[in-house]
Amino acid sequence: MKKLLILIILLFLTACTNIEYTYSPENYKSNNISISASLEEFDNENSPLSYIWIYDLRNHFRNREKEPYYNVKILSSTVKINSNGKEYTIRTEPNSDHIYIYKQGVIITGDFTAYIGKVQLDNGKIIDIPPLKFKKNVLIEKYNGLDDAFSKGVPRKEIFNGTVEDYKKQKK
């Protein structure tokens, strides 16, 4: 019984770290849409790019029970991605707000530039997205059972949130 109690106390006091990798475009701000990209394995820095997602920002502030979900449609049938001196043509799916890269056999593991083109919001507004340079980002958060128990409402401590390049410079 003592061993079980000691094990439970150790687990409760032990901290764990969560690492999440994503891509985001440099210097792109819009009041209408947000653009991000995800890796196949979010916790693996060397995982390939999975998809690019274009998100209607009105969804963030809506009342989920009373208001509809707002969609973004990518108008181009293909997008171009440049990575490591190679250009890839990626097919888009009709009426989708995602551009699936890995499913089409394209493996991108570093920074890249995407030429998405025009997208349409469900209210008819068309937005022409300029070529975007995506950088890999990392979010590192630390969790601690004891600390989280006493700090209700703020259960995690952010250690770093920025580009992988900046994180590697910081570690040196």
N, C-alpha and C. Protein backbone atom coordinates (compact mmCIF):
# COMPACT_ATOMS: atom_id res chain seq x y z
N MET A 1 0.81 -1.19 0.00
CA MET A 1 0.00 0.00 0.00
C MET A 1 0.86 1.26 0.00
N LYS A 2 1.98 1.23 0.76
CA LYS A 2 2.88 2.38 0.81
C LYS A 2 3.48 2.65 -0.57
N LYS A 3 3.83 1.59 -1.29
CA LYS A 3 4.43 1.76 -2.62
C LYS A 3 3.43 2.41 -3.58
N LEU A 4 2.19 2.00 -3.51
CA LEU A 4 1.16 2.59 -4.36
C LEU A 4 0.96 4.06 -4.01
N LEU A 5 0.93 4.39 -2.75
CA LEU A 5 0.78 5.76 -2.32
C LEU A 5 1.96 6.61 -2.77
N ILE A 6 3.16 6.10 -2.66
CA ILE A 6 4.36 6.81 -3.12
C ILE A 6 4.32 7.02 -4.63
N LEU A 7 3.88 6.02 -5.35
CA LEU A 7 3.77 6.13 -6.81
C LEU A 7 2.76 7.21 -7.21
N ILE A 8 1.63 7.23 -6.52
CA ILE A 8 0.61 8.24 -6.81
C ILE A 8 1.14 9.64 -6.50
N ILE A 9 1.83 9.81 -5.40
CA ILE A 9 2.39 11.11 -5.04
C ILE A 9 3.43 11.54 -6.07
N LEU A 10 4.29 10.62 -6.50
CA LEU A 10 5.29 10.96 -7.51
C LEU A 10 4.64 11.38 -8.82
N LEU A 11 3.60 10.66 -9.23
CA LEU A 11 2.90 11.03 -10.46
C LEU A 11 2.25 12.40 -10.33
N PHE A 12 1.71 12.68 -9.16
CA PHE A 12 1.02 13.95 -8.93
C PHE A 12 2.01 15.12 -8.94
N LEU A 13 3.19 14.91 -8.42
CA LEU A 13 4.18 15.98 -8.33
C LEU A 13 5.03 16.12 -9.60
N THR A 14 5.01 15.11 -10.42
CA THR A 14 5.85 15.12 -11.61
C THR A 14 5.29 16.06 -12.66
N ALA A 15 6.17 16.83 -13.24
CA ALA A 15 5.77 17.75 -14.31
C ALA A 15 5.94 17.06 -15.65
N CYS A 16 5.14 17.47 -16.61
CA CYS A 16 5.33 16.96 -17.96
C CYS A 16 5.33 18.15 -18.92
N THR A 17 5.95 17.95 -20.06
CA THR A 17 6.07 19.01 -21.05
C THR A 17 5.35 18.60 -22.32
N ASN A 18 4.58 19.52 -22.88
CA ASN A 18 3.87 19.30 -24.13
C ASN A 18 4.52 20.14 -25.21
N ILE A 19 4.84 19.51 -26.35
CA ILE A 19 5.45 20.21 -27.47
C ILE A 19 4.55 20.05 -28.68
N GLU A 20 4.25 21.17 -29.34
CA GLU A 20 3.39 21.13 -30.53
C GLU A 20 4.03 21.97 -31.63
N TYR A 21 4.19 21.35 -32.81
CA TYR A 21 4.76 22.03 -33.97
C TYR A 21 3.65 22.35 -34.97
N THR A 22 3.68 23.54 -35.53
CA THR A 22 2.74 23.97 -36.57
C THR A 22 3.50 24.87 -37.53
N TYR A 23 2.82 25.25 -38.60
CA TYR A 23 3.35 26.27 -39.50
C TYR A 23 2.40 27.45 -39.49
N SER A 24 2.95 28.65 -39.61
CA SER A 24 2.11 29.83 -39.79
C SER A 24 2.81 30.78 -40.75
N PRO A 25 2.01 31.55 -41.48
CA PRO A 25 2.61 32.48 -42.44
C PRO A 25 3.24 33.68 -41.74
N GLU A 26 4.35 34.14 -42.29
CA GLU A 26 4.98 35.34 -41.78
C GLU A 26 4.21 36.57 -42.26
N ASN A 27 4.05 37.54 -41.41
CA ASN A 27 3.52 38.85 -41.77
C ASN A 27 2.22 38.82 -42.56
N TYR A 28 1.30 37.93 -42.21
CA TYR A 28 -0.01 37.95 -42.86
C TYR A 28 -1.07 38.20 -41.81
N LYS A 29 -1.77 39.28 -41.93
CA LYS A 29 -2.86 39.62 -41.01
C LYS A 29 -4.11 39.90 -41.83
N SER A 30 -5.23 39.36 -41.38
CA SER A 30 -6.50 39.60 -42.04
C SER A 30 -7.58 39.64 -40.97
N ASN A 31 -8.55 40.51 -41.16
CA ASN A 31 -9.68 40.57 -40.23
C ASN A 31 -10.70 39.49 -40.54
N ASN A 32 -10.58 38.85 -41.70
CA ASN A 32 -11.59 37.89 -42.15
C ASN A 32 -11.18 36.44 -41.98
N ILE A 33 -9.91 36.13 -42.25
CA ILE A 33 -9.47 34.73 -42.23
C ILE A 33 -8.17 34.56 -41.48
N SER A 34 -7.95 33.34 -41.05
CA SER A 34 -6.70 32.93 -40.44
C SER A 34 -6.19 31.75 -41.26
N ILE A 35 -4.89 31.67 -41.41
CA ILE A 35 -4.29 30.59 -42.20
C ILE A 35 -3.22 29.92 -41.35
N SER A 36 -3.29 28.61 -41.26
CA SER A 36 -2.27 27.85 -40.54
C SER A 36 -2.05 26.53 -41.26
N ALA A 37 -1.04 25.82 -40.83
CA ALA A 37 -0.72 24.53 -41.43
C ALA A 37 -0.31 23.56 -40.34
N SER A 38 -0.68 22.31 -40.51
CA SER A 38 -0.41 21.28 -39.50
C SER A 38 0.49 20.19 -40.05
N LEU A 39 1.20 19.56 -39.14
CA LEU A 39 2.06 18.44 -39.48
C LEU A 39 1.30 17.14 -39.28
N GLU A 40 1.77 16.08 -39.90
CA GLU A 40 1.16 14.76 -39.72
C GLU A 40 1.21 14.35 -38.25
N GLU A 41 2.34 14.57 -37.60
CA GLU A 41 2.50 14.29 -36.18
C GLU A 41 2.86 15.60 -35.50
N PHE A 42 1.94 16.20 -34.79
CA PHE A 42 2.14 17.54 -34.24
C PHE A 42 3.28 17.63 -33.24
N ASP A 43 3.69 16.52 -32.65
CA ASP A 43 4.74 16.54 -31.64
C ASP A 43 6.11 16.13 -32.16
N ASN A 44 6.25 16.00 -33.48
CA ASN A 44 7.50 15.56 -34.10
C ASN A 44 7.99 16.65 -35.05
N GLU A 45 9.10 17.28 -34.72
CA GLU A 45 9.63 18.38 -35.54
C GLU A 45 9.90 17.97 -36.98
N ASN A 46 10.27 16.73 -37.21
CA ASN A 46 10.62 16.27 -38.55
C ASN A 46 9.45 15.67 -39.33
N SER A 47 8.26 15.74 -38.77
CA SER A 47 7.08 15.21 -39.43
C SER A 47 6.74 16.07 -40.65
N PRO A 48 6.22 15.45 -41.72
CA PRO A 48 5.88 16.25 -42.92
C PRO A 48 4.62 17.08 -42.75
N LEU A 49 4.53 18.11 -43.57
CA LEU A 49 3.36 18.97 -43.63
C LEU A 49 2.15 18.14 -44.03
N SER A 50 1.08 18.26 -43.30
CA SER A 50 -0.13 17.50 -43.60
C SER A 50 -1.10 18.32 -44.45
N TYR A 51 -1.49 19.50 -43.96
CA TYR A 51 -2.46 20.31 -44.68
C TYR A 51 -2.32 21.78 -44.31
N ILE A 52 -2.89 22.63 -45.16
CA ILE A 52 -3.03 24.05 -44.89
C ILE A 52 -4.52 24.29 -44.67
N TRP A 53 -4.85 25.05 -43.63
CA TRP A 53 -6.24 25.29 -43.27
C TRP A 53 -6.52 26.79 -43.33
N ILE A 54 -7.59 27.16 -44.01
CA ILE A 54 -8.03 28.55 -44.08
C ILE A 54 -9.32 28.63 -43.28
N TYR A 55 -9.30 29.45 -42.25
CA TYR A 55 -10.35 29.48 -41.24
C TYR A 55 -11.03 30.84 -41.23
N ASP A 56 -12.34 30.86 -41.26
CA ASP A 56 -13.13 32.09 -41.19
C ASP A 56 -13.16 32.56 -39.75
N LEU A 57 -12.62 33.74 -39.49
CA LEU A 57 -12.52 34.24 -38.12
C LEU A 57 -13.87 34.53 -37.47
N ARG A 58 -14.92 34.65 -38.24
CA ARG A 58 -16.24 34.86 -37.63
C ARG A 58 -16.64 33.65 -36.80
N ASN A 59 -16.09 32.47 -37.08
CA ASN A 59 -16.40 31.27 -36.30
C ASN A 59 -15.90 31.38 -34.87
N HIS A 60 -14.86 32.14 -34.66
CA HIS A 60 -14.27 32.26 -33.34
C HIS A 60 -15.19 32.99 -32.36
N PHE A 61 -15.93 33.96 -32.86
CA PHE A 61 -16.74 34.80 -31.98
C PHE A 61 -18.23 34.46 -32.01
N ARG A 62 -18.60 33.43 -32.74
CA ARG A 62 -20.02 33.14 -32.89
C ARG A 62 -20.57 32.37 -31.68
N ASN A 63 -21.88 32.46 -31.50
CA ASN A 63 -22.58 31.68 -30.49
C ASN A 63 -22.86 30.32 -31.13
N ARG A 64 -22.17 29.28 -30.71
CA ARG A 64 -22.21 27.98 -31.37
C ARG A 64 -23.60 27.34 -31.41
N GLU A 65 -24.47 27.73 -30.49
CA GLU A 65 -25.81 27.14 -30.47
C GLU A 65 -26.78 27.86 -31.38
N LYS A 66 -26.56 29.16 -31.63
CA LYS A 66 -27.53 29.95 -32.38
C LYS A 66 -27.06 30.35 -33.77
N GLU A 67 -25.76 30.44 -33.98
CA GLU A 67 -25.25 30.94 -35.26
C GLU A 67 -24.67 29.81 -36.10
N PRO A 68 -24.72 29.96 -37.41
CA PRO A 68 -24.20 28.91 -38.31
C PRO A 68 -22.67 28.90 -38.35
N TYR A 69 -22.14 27.81 -38.88
CA TYR A 69 -20.71 27.70 -39.11
C TYR A 69 -20.39 28.39 -40.42
N TYR A 70 -19.40 29.26 -40.42
CA TYR A 70 -19.04 30.02 -41.63
C TYR A 70 -17.95 29.29 -42.38
N ASN A 71 -18.14 29.14 -43.68
CA ASN A 71 -17.20 28.39 -44.51
C ASN A 71 -16.35 29.29 -45.38
N VAL A 72 -15.18 28.79 -45.70
CA VAL A 72 -14.28 29.40 -46.67
C VAL A 72 -14.14 28.40 -47.79
N LYS A 73 -14.18 28.87 -49.04
CA LYS A 73 -13.96 28.00 -50.19
C LYS A 73 -12.71 28.46 -50.92
N ILE A 74 -11.84 27.53 -51.20
CA ILE A 74 -10.67 27.82 -52.02
C ILE A 74 -11.14 27.78 -53.47
N LEU A 75 -10.97 28.87 -54.20
CA LEU A 75 -11.52 28.98 -55.54
C LEU A 75 -10.64 28.33 -56.61
N SER A 76 -9.35 28.26 -56.38
CA SER A 76 -8.45 27.68 -57.36
C SER A 76 -8.48 26.15 -57.26
N SER A 77 -8.38 25.47 -58.40
CA SER A 77 -8.37 24.00 -58.38
C SER A 77 -6.99 23.45 -58.00
N THR A 78 -5.97 24.30 -58.07
CA THR A 78 -4.63 23.90 -57.64
C THR A 78 -3.96 25.07 -56.93
N VAL A 79 -3.02 24.74 -56.07
CA VAL A 79 -2.16 25.75 -55.44
C VAL A 79 -0.72 25.33 -55.68
N LYS A 80 0.17 26.27 -55.63
CA LYS A 80 1.59 25.98 -55.83
C LYS A 80 2.32 26.17 -54.51
N ILE A 81 3.23 25.24 -54.24
CA ILE A 81 4.05 25.31 -53.04
C ILE A 81 5.51 25.17 -53.46
N ASN A 82 6.33 26.10 -52.99
CA ASN A 82 7.78 26.05 -53.22
C ASN A 82 8.46 25.68 -51.91
N SER A 83 9.32 24.66 -51.98
CA SER A 83 10.07 24.24 -50.81
C SER A 83 11.41 23.68 -51.26
N ASN A 84 12.48 24.16 -50.67
CA ASN A 84 13.84 23.69 -50.99
C ASN A 84 14.13 23.70 -52.48
N GLY A 85 13.72 24.76 -53.17
CA GLY A 85 14.01 24.90 -54.59
C GLY A 85 13.12 24.08 -55.51
N LYS A 86 12.15 23.36 -54.98
CA LYS A 86 11.23 22.57 -55.80
C LYS A 86 9.84 23.19 -55.75
N GLU A 87 9.14 23.11 -56.89
CA GLU A 87 7.76 23.61 -56.94
C GLU A 87 6.81 22.43 -57.07
N TYR A 88 5.79 22.42 -56.24
CA TYR A 88 4.78 21.36 -56.25
C TYR A 88 3.43 21.98 -56.61
N THR A 89 2.66 21.27 -57.43
CA THR A 89 1.29 21.68 -57.73
C THR A 89 0.37 20.74 -56.96
N ILE A 90 -0.43 21.33 -56.08
CA ILE A 90 -1.30 20.56 -55.19
C ILE A 90 -2.75 20.78 -55.61
N ARG A 91 -3.48 19.69 -55.81
CA ARG A 91 -4.91 19.79 -56.14
C ARG A 91 -5.69 20.16 -54.87
N THR A 92 -6.72 20.97 -55.06
CA THR A 92 -7.60 21.30 -53.94
C THR A 92 -8.90 20.54 -54.11
N GLU A 93 -9.62 20.38 -53.03
CA GLU A 93 -10.92 19.72 -53.07
C GLU A 93 -12.01 20.78 -53.17
N PRO A 94 -13.00 20.56 -54.02
CA PRO A 94 -14.08 21.56 -54.17
C PRO A 94 -14.78 21.84 -52.84
N ASN A 95 -15.08 23.10 -52.63
CA ASN A 95 -15.80 23.56 -51.44
C ASN A 95 -15.10 23.22 -50.12
N SER A 96 -13.78 23.13 -50.16
CA SER A 96 -13.03 22.79 -48.96
C SER A 96 -12.27 24.00 -48.44
N ASP A 97 -12.04 24.02 -47.15
CA ASP A 97 -11.21 25.05 -46.55
C ASP A 97 -9.84 24.49 -46.16
N HIS A 98 -9.56 23.25 -46.58
CA HIS A 98 -8.28 22.60 -46.34
C HIS A 98 -7.58 22.30 -47.67
N ILE A 99 -6.26 22.38 -47.65
CA ILE A 99 -5.44 21.97 -48.79
C ILE A 99 -4.60 20.81 -48.27
N TYR A 100 -4.88 19.61 -48.75
CA TYR A 100 -4.21 18.41 -48.25
C TYR A 100 -2.94 18.17 -49.07
N ILE A 101 -1.79 18.17 -48.43
CA ILE A 101 -0.50 18.04 -49.11
C ILE A 101 0.03 16.62 -48.99
N TYR A 102 0.12 16.12 -47.78
CA TYR A 102 0.72 14.80 -47.55
C TYR A 102 -0.09 13.68 -48.22
N LYS A 103 -1.41 13.81 -48.25
CA LYS A 103 -2.27 12.81 -48.89
C LYS A 103 -1.96 12.66 -50.38
N GLN A 104 -1.39 13.72 -50.98
CA GLN A 104 -1.08 13.69 -52.41
C GLN A 104 0.36 13.26 -52.67
N GLY A 105 1.03 12.76 -51.64
CA GLY A 105 2.37 12.22 -51.80
C GLY A 105 3.48 13.24 -51.76
N VAL A 106 3.18 14.46 -51.40
CA VAL A 106 4.19 15.51 -51.33
C VAL A 106 4.69 15.60 -49.89
N ILE A 107 6.01 15.50 -49.73
CA ILE A 107 6.60 15.53 -48.40
C ILE A 107 7.41 16.82 -48.25
N ILE A 108 6.93 17.67 -47.36
CA ILE A 108 7.59 18.93 -47.05
C ILE A 108 7.86 18.95 -45.56
N THR A 109 9.13 19.14 -45.19
CA THR A 109 9.48 19.14 -43.77
C THR A 109 10.10 20.46 -43.30
N GLY A 110 10.34 21.37 -44.23
CA GLY A 110 10.93 22.65 -43.85
C GLY A 110 10.02 23.80 -44.20
N ASP A 111 10.54 25.01 -44.05
CA ASP A 111 9.77 26.20 -44.40
C ASP A 111 9.41 26.17 -45.88
N PHE A 112 8.31 26.83 -46.24
CA PHE A 112 7.85 26.79 -47.63
C PHE A 112 7.06 28.05 -47.96
N THR A 113 6.84 28.26 -49.25
CA THR A 113 6.01 29.36 -49.73
C THR A 113 4.81 28.76 -50.45
N ALA A 114 3.62 29.26 -50.15
CA ALA A 114 2.39 28.76 -50.78
C ALA A 114 1.71 29.88 -51.56
N TYR A 115 1.30 29.54 -52.77
CA TYR A 115 0.53 30.44 -53.63
C TYR A 115 -0.91 29.92 -53.66
N ILE A 116 -1.74 30.40 -52.77
CA ILE A 116 -3.10 29.88 -52.61
C ILE A 116 -4.06 30.55 -53.58
N GLY A 117 -3.92 31.83 -53.77
CA GLY A 117 -4.81 32.55 -54.69
C GLY A 117 -6.05 33.07 -54.00
N LYS A 118 -7.19 32.93 -54.67
CA LYS A 118 -8.44 33.51 -54.16
C LYS A 118 -9.25 32.49 -53.36
N VAL A 119 -9.85 33.02 -52.29
CA VAL A 119 -10.78 32.24 -51.49
C VAL A 119 -12.06 33.06 -51.35
N GLN A 120 -13.16 32.36 -51.08
CA GLN A 120 -14.44 33.04 -50.96
C GLN A 120 -15.08 32.71 -49.62
N LEU A 121 -15.53 33.74 -48.93
CA LEU A 121 -16.28 33.55 -47.71
C LEU A 121 -17.72 33.24 -48.08
N ASP A 122 -18.49 32.66 -47.16
CA ASP A 122 -19.86 32.30 -47.49
C ASP A 122 -20.78 33.50 -47.69
N ASN A 123 -20.32 34.70 -47.33
CA ASN A 123 -21.11 35.90 -47.60
C ASN A 123 -20.82 36.46 -48.99
N GLY A 124 -20.01 35.76 -49.78
CA GLY A 124 -19.69 36.15 -51.15
C GLY A 124 -18.41 36.94 -51.29
N LYS A 125 -17.85 37.42 -50.20
CA LYS A 125 -16.62 38.21 -50.26
C LYS A 125 -15.46 37.34 -50.75
N ILE A 126 -14.72 37.86 -51.74
CA ILE A 126 -13.57 37.15 -52.28
C ILE A 126 -12.29 37.84 -51.78
N ILE A 127 -11.39 37.04 -51.29
CA ILE A 127 -10.11 37.53 -50.77
C ILE A 127 -9.00 36.92 -51.60
N ASP A 128 -8.12 37.77 -52.12
CA ASP A 128 -6.97 37.31 -52.88
C ASP A 128 -5.78 37.22 -51.92
N ILE A 129 -5.33 36.01 -51.65
CA ILE A 129 -4.25 35.79 -50.69
C ILE A 129 -2.92 35.91 -51.44
N PRO A 130 -2.04 36.78 -50.99
CA PRO A 130 -0.74 36.91 -51.64
C PRO A 130 0.11 35.67 -51.35
N PRO A 131 1.21 35.46 -52.08
CA PRO A 131 2.11 34.34 -51.74
C PRO A 131 2.55 34.46 -50.28
N LEU A 132 2.46 33.37 -49.56
CA LEU A 132 2.77 33.36 -48.13
C LEU A 132 3.97 32.49 -47.83
N LYS A 133 4.90 33.02 -47.06
CA LYS A 133 6.05 32.24 -46.60
C LYS A 133 5.70 31.69 -45.23
N PHE A 134 5.67 30.36 -45.12
CA PHE A 134 5.34 29.69 -43.87
C PHE A 134 6.62 29.28 -43.14
N LYS A 135 6.62 29.53 -41.84
CA LYS A 135 7.72 29.13 -40.96
C LYS A 135 7.19 28.11 -39.96
N LYS A 136 8.05 27.17 -39.61
CA LYS A 136 7.67 26.17 -38.60
C LYS A 136 7.77 26.81 -37.22
N ASN A 137 6.72 26.63 -36.43
CA ASN A 137 6.66 27.18 -35.06
C ASN A 137 6.60 26.04 -34.06
N VAL A 138 6.97 26.38 -32.84
CA VAL A 138 6.88 25.40 -31.76
C VAL A 138 6.26 26.09 -30.54
N LEU A 139 5.35 25.36 -29.90
CA LEU A 139 4.75 25.79 -28.64
C LEU A 139 5.14 24.75 -27.61
N ILE A 140 5.80 25.20 -26.56
CA ILE A 140 6.22 24.29 -25.49
C ILE A 140 5.55 24.75 -24.21
N GLU A 141 4.79 23.85 -23.61
CA GLU A 141 4.09 24.15 -22.36
C GLU A 141 4.48 23.11 -21.32
N LYS A 142 4.55 23.54 -20.10
CA LYS A 142 4.90 22.65 -19.00
C LYS A 142 3.69 22.51 -18.10
N TYR A 143 3.39 21.29 -17.72
CA TYR A 143 2.28 20.99 -16.81
C TYR A 143 2.86 20.43 -15.53
N ASN A 144 2.28 20.80 -14.40
CA ASN A 144 2.72 20.27 -13.12
C ASN A 144 1.47 20.02 -12.29
N GLY A 145 1.27 18.78 -11.88
CA GLY A 145 0.06 18.40 -11.15
C GLY A 145 -0.19 19.23 -9.91
N LEU A 146 0.81 19.40 -9.09
CA LEU A 146 0.64 20.15 -7.84
C LEU A 146 0.42 21.63 -8.12
N ASP A 147 1.23 22.18 -8.99
CA ASP A 147 1.12 23.59 -9.34
C ASP A 147 -0.23 23.89 -9.97
N ASP A 148 -0.68 23.01 -10.86
CA ASP A 148 -1.97 23.21 -11.53
C ASP A 148 -3.13 23.12 -10.55
N ALA A 149 -3.00 22.31 -9.53
CA ALA A 149 -4.07 22.16 -8.55
C ALA A 149 -4.30 23.45 -7.76
N PHE A 150 -3.22 24.18 -7.51
CA PHE A 150 -3.34 25.41 -6.72
C PHE A 150 -3.57 26.67 -7.56
N SER A 151 -3.37 26.58 -8.86
CA SER A 151 -3.56 27.77 -9.71
C SER A 151 -4.71 27.53 -10.67
N LYS A 152 -5.90 27.44 -10.12
CA LYS A 152 -7.09 27.17 -10.93
C LYS A 152 -7.29 28.27 -11.96
N GLY A 153 -7.68 27.86 -13.16
CA GLY A 153 -7.90 28.81 -14.24
C GLY A 153 -6.67 29.07 -15.08
N VAL A 154 -5.49 28.77 -14.57
CA VAL A 154 -4.25 28.95 -15.32
C VAL A 154 -3.42 27.67 -15.15
N PRO A 155 -3.85 26.57 -15.75
CA PRO A 155 -3.24 25.28 -15.46
C PRO A 155 -1.93 24.97 -16.18
N ARG A 156 -1.42 25.85 -17.06
CA ARG A 156 -0.18 25.50 -17.74
C ARG A 156 0.75 26.69 -17.79
N LYS A 157 1.99 26.36 -17.92
CA LYS A 157 3.02 27.39 -18.00
C LYS A 157 3.64 27.30 -19.39
N GLU A 158 3.57 28.41 -20.11
CA GLU A 158 4.17 28.44 -21.44
C GLU A 158 5.66 28.70 -21.29
N ILE A 159 6.45 27.83 -21.89
CA ILE A 159 7.90 27.97 -21.82
C ILE A 159 8.40 28.72 -23.06
N PHE A 160 7.84 28.38 -24.23
CA PHE A 160 8.26 29.04 -25.47
C PHE A 160 7.14 28.95 -26.49
N ASN A 161 6.97 30.03 -27.25
CA ASN A 161 6.02 30.04 -28.36
C ASN A 161 6.62 30.94 -29.43
N GLY A 162 7.09 30.34 -30.53
CA GLY A 162 7.71 31.10 -31.61
C GLY A 162 8.25 30.16 -32.67
N THR A 163 9.10 30.67 -33.53
CA THR A 163 9.64 29.85 -34.60
C THR A 163 10.66 28.85 -34.06
N VAL A 164 10.79 27.74 -34.74
CA VAL A 164 11.76 26.72 -34.36
C VAL A 164 13.17 27.32 -34.42
N GLU A 165 13.38 28.15 -35.43
CA GLU A 165 14.68 28.82 -35.60
C GLU A 165 15.01 29.66 -34.38
N ASP A 166 14.06 30.45 -33.88
CA ASP A 166 14.28 31.27 -32.68
C ASP A 166 14.50 30.40 -31.44
N TYR A 167 13.78 29.31 -31.35
CA TYR A 167 13.94 28.41 -30.20
C TYR A 167 15.34 27.80 -30.17
N LYS A 168 15.84 27.40 -31.33
CA LYS A 168 17.20 26.83 -31.38
C LYS A 168 18.25 27.87 -31.02
N LYS A 169 18.06 29.12 -31.43
CA LYS A 169 18.98 30.19 -31.07
C LYS A 169 18.96 30.42 -29.56
N GLN A 170 17.77 30.37 -28.97
CA GLN A 170 17.61 30.60 -27.54
C GLN A 170 18.29 29.50 -26.73
N LYS A 171 18.26 28.28 -27.21
CA LYS A 171 18.83 27.15 -26.48
C LYS A 171 20.37 27.20 -26.44
N LYS A 172 20.96 27.88 -27.40
CA LYS A 172 22.45 27.92 -27.46
C LYS A 172 23.04 28.70 -26.34
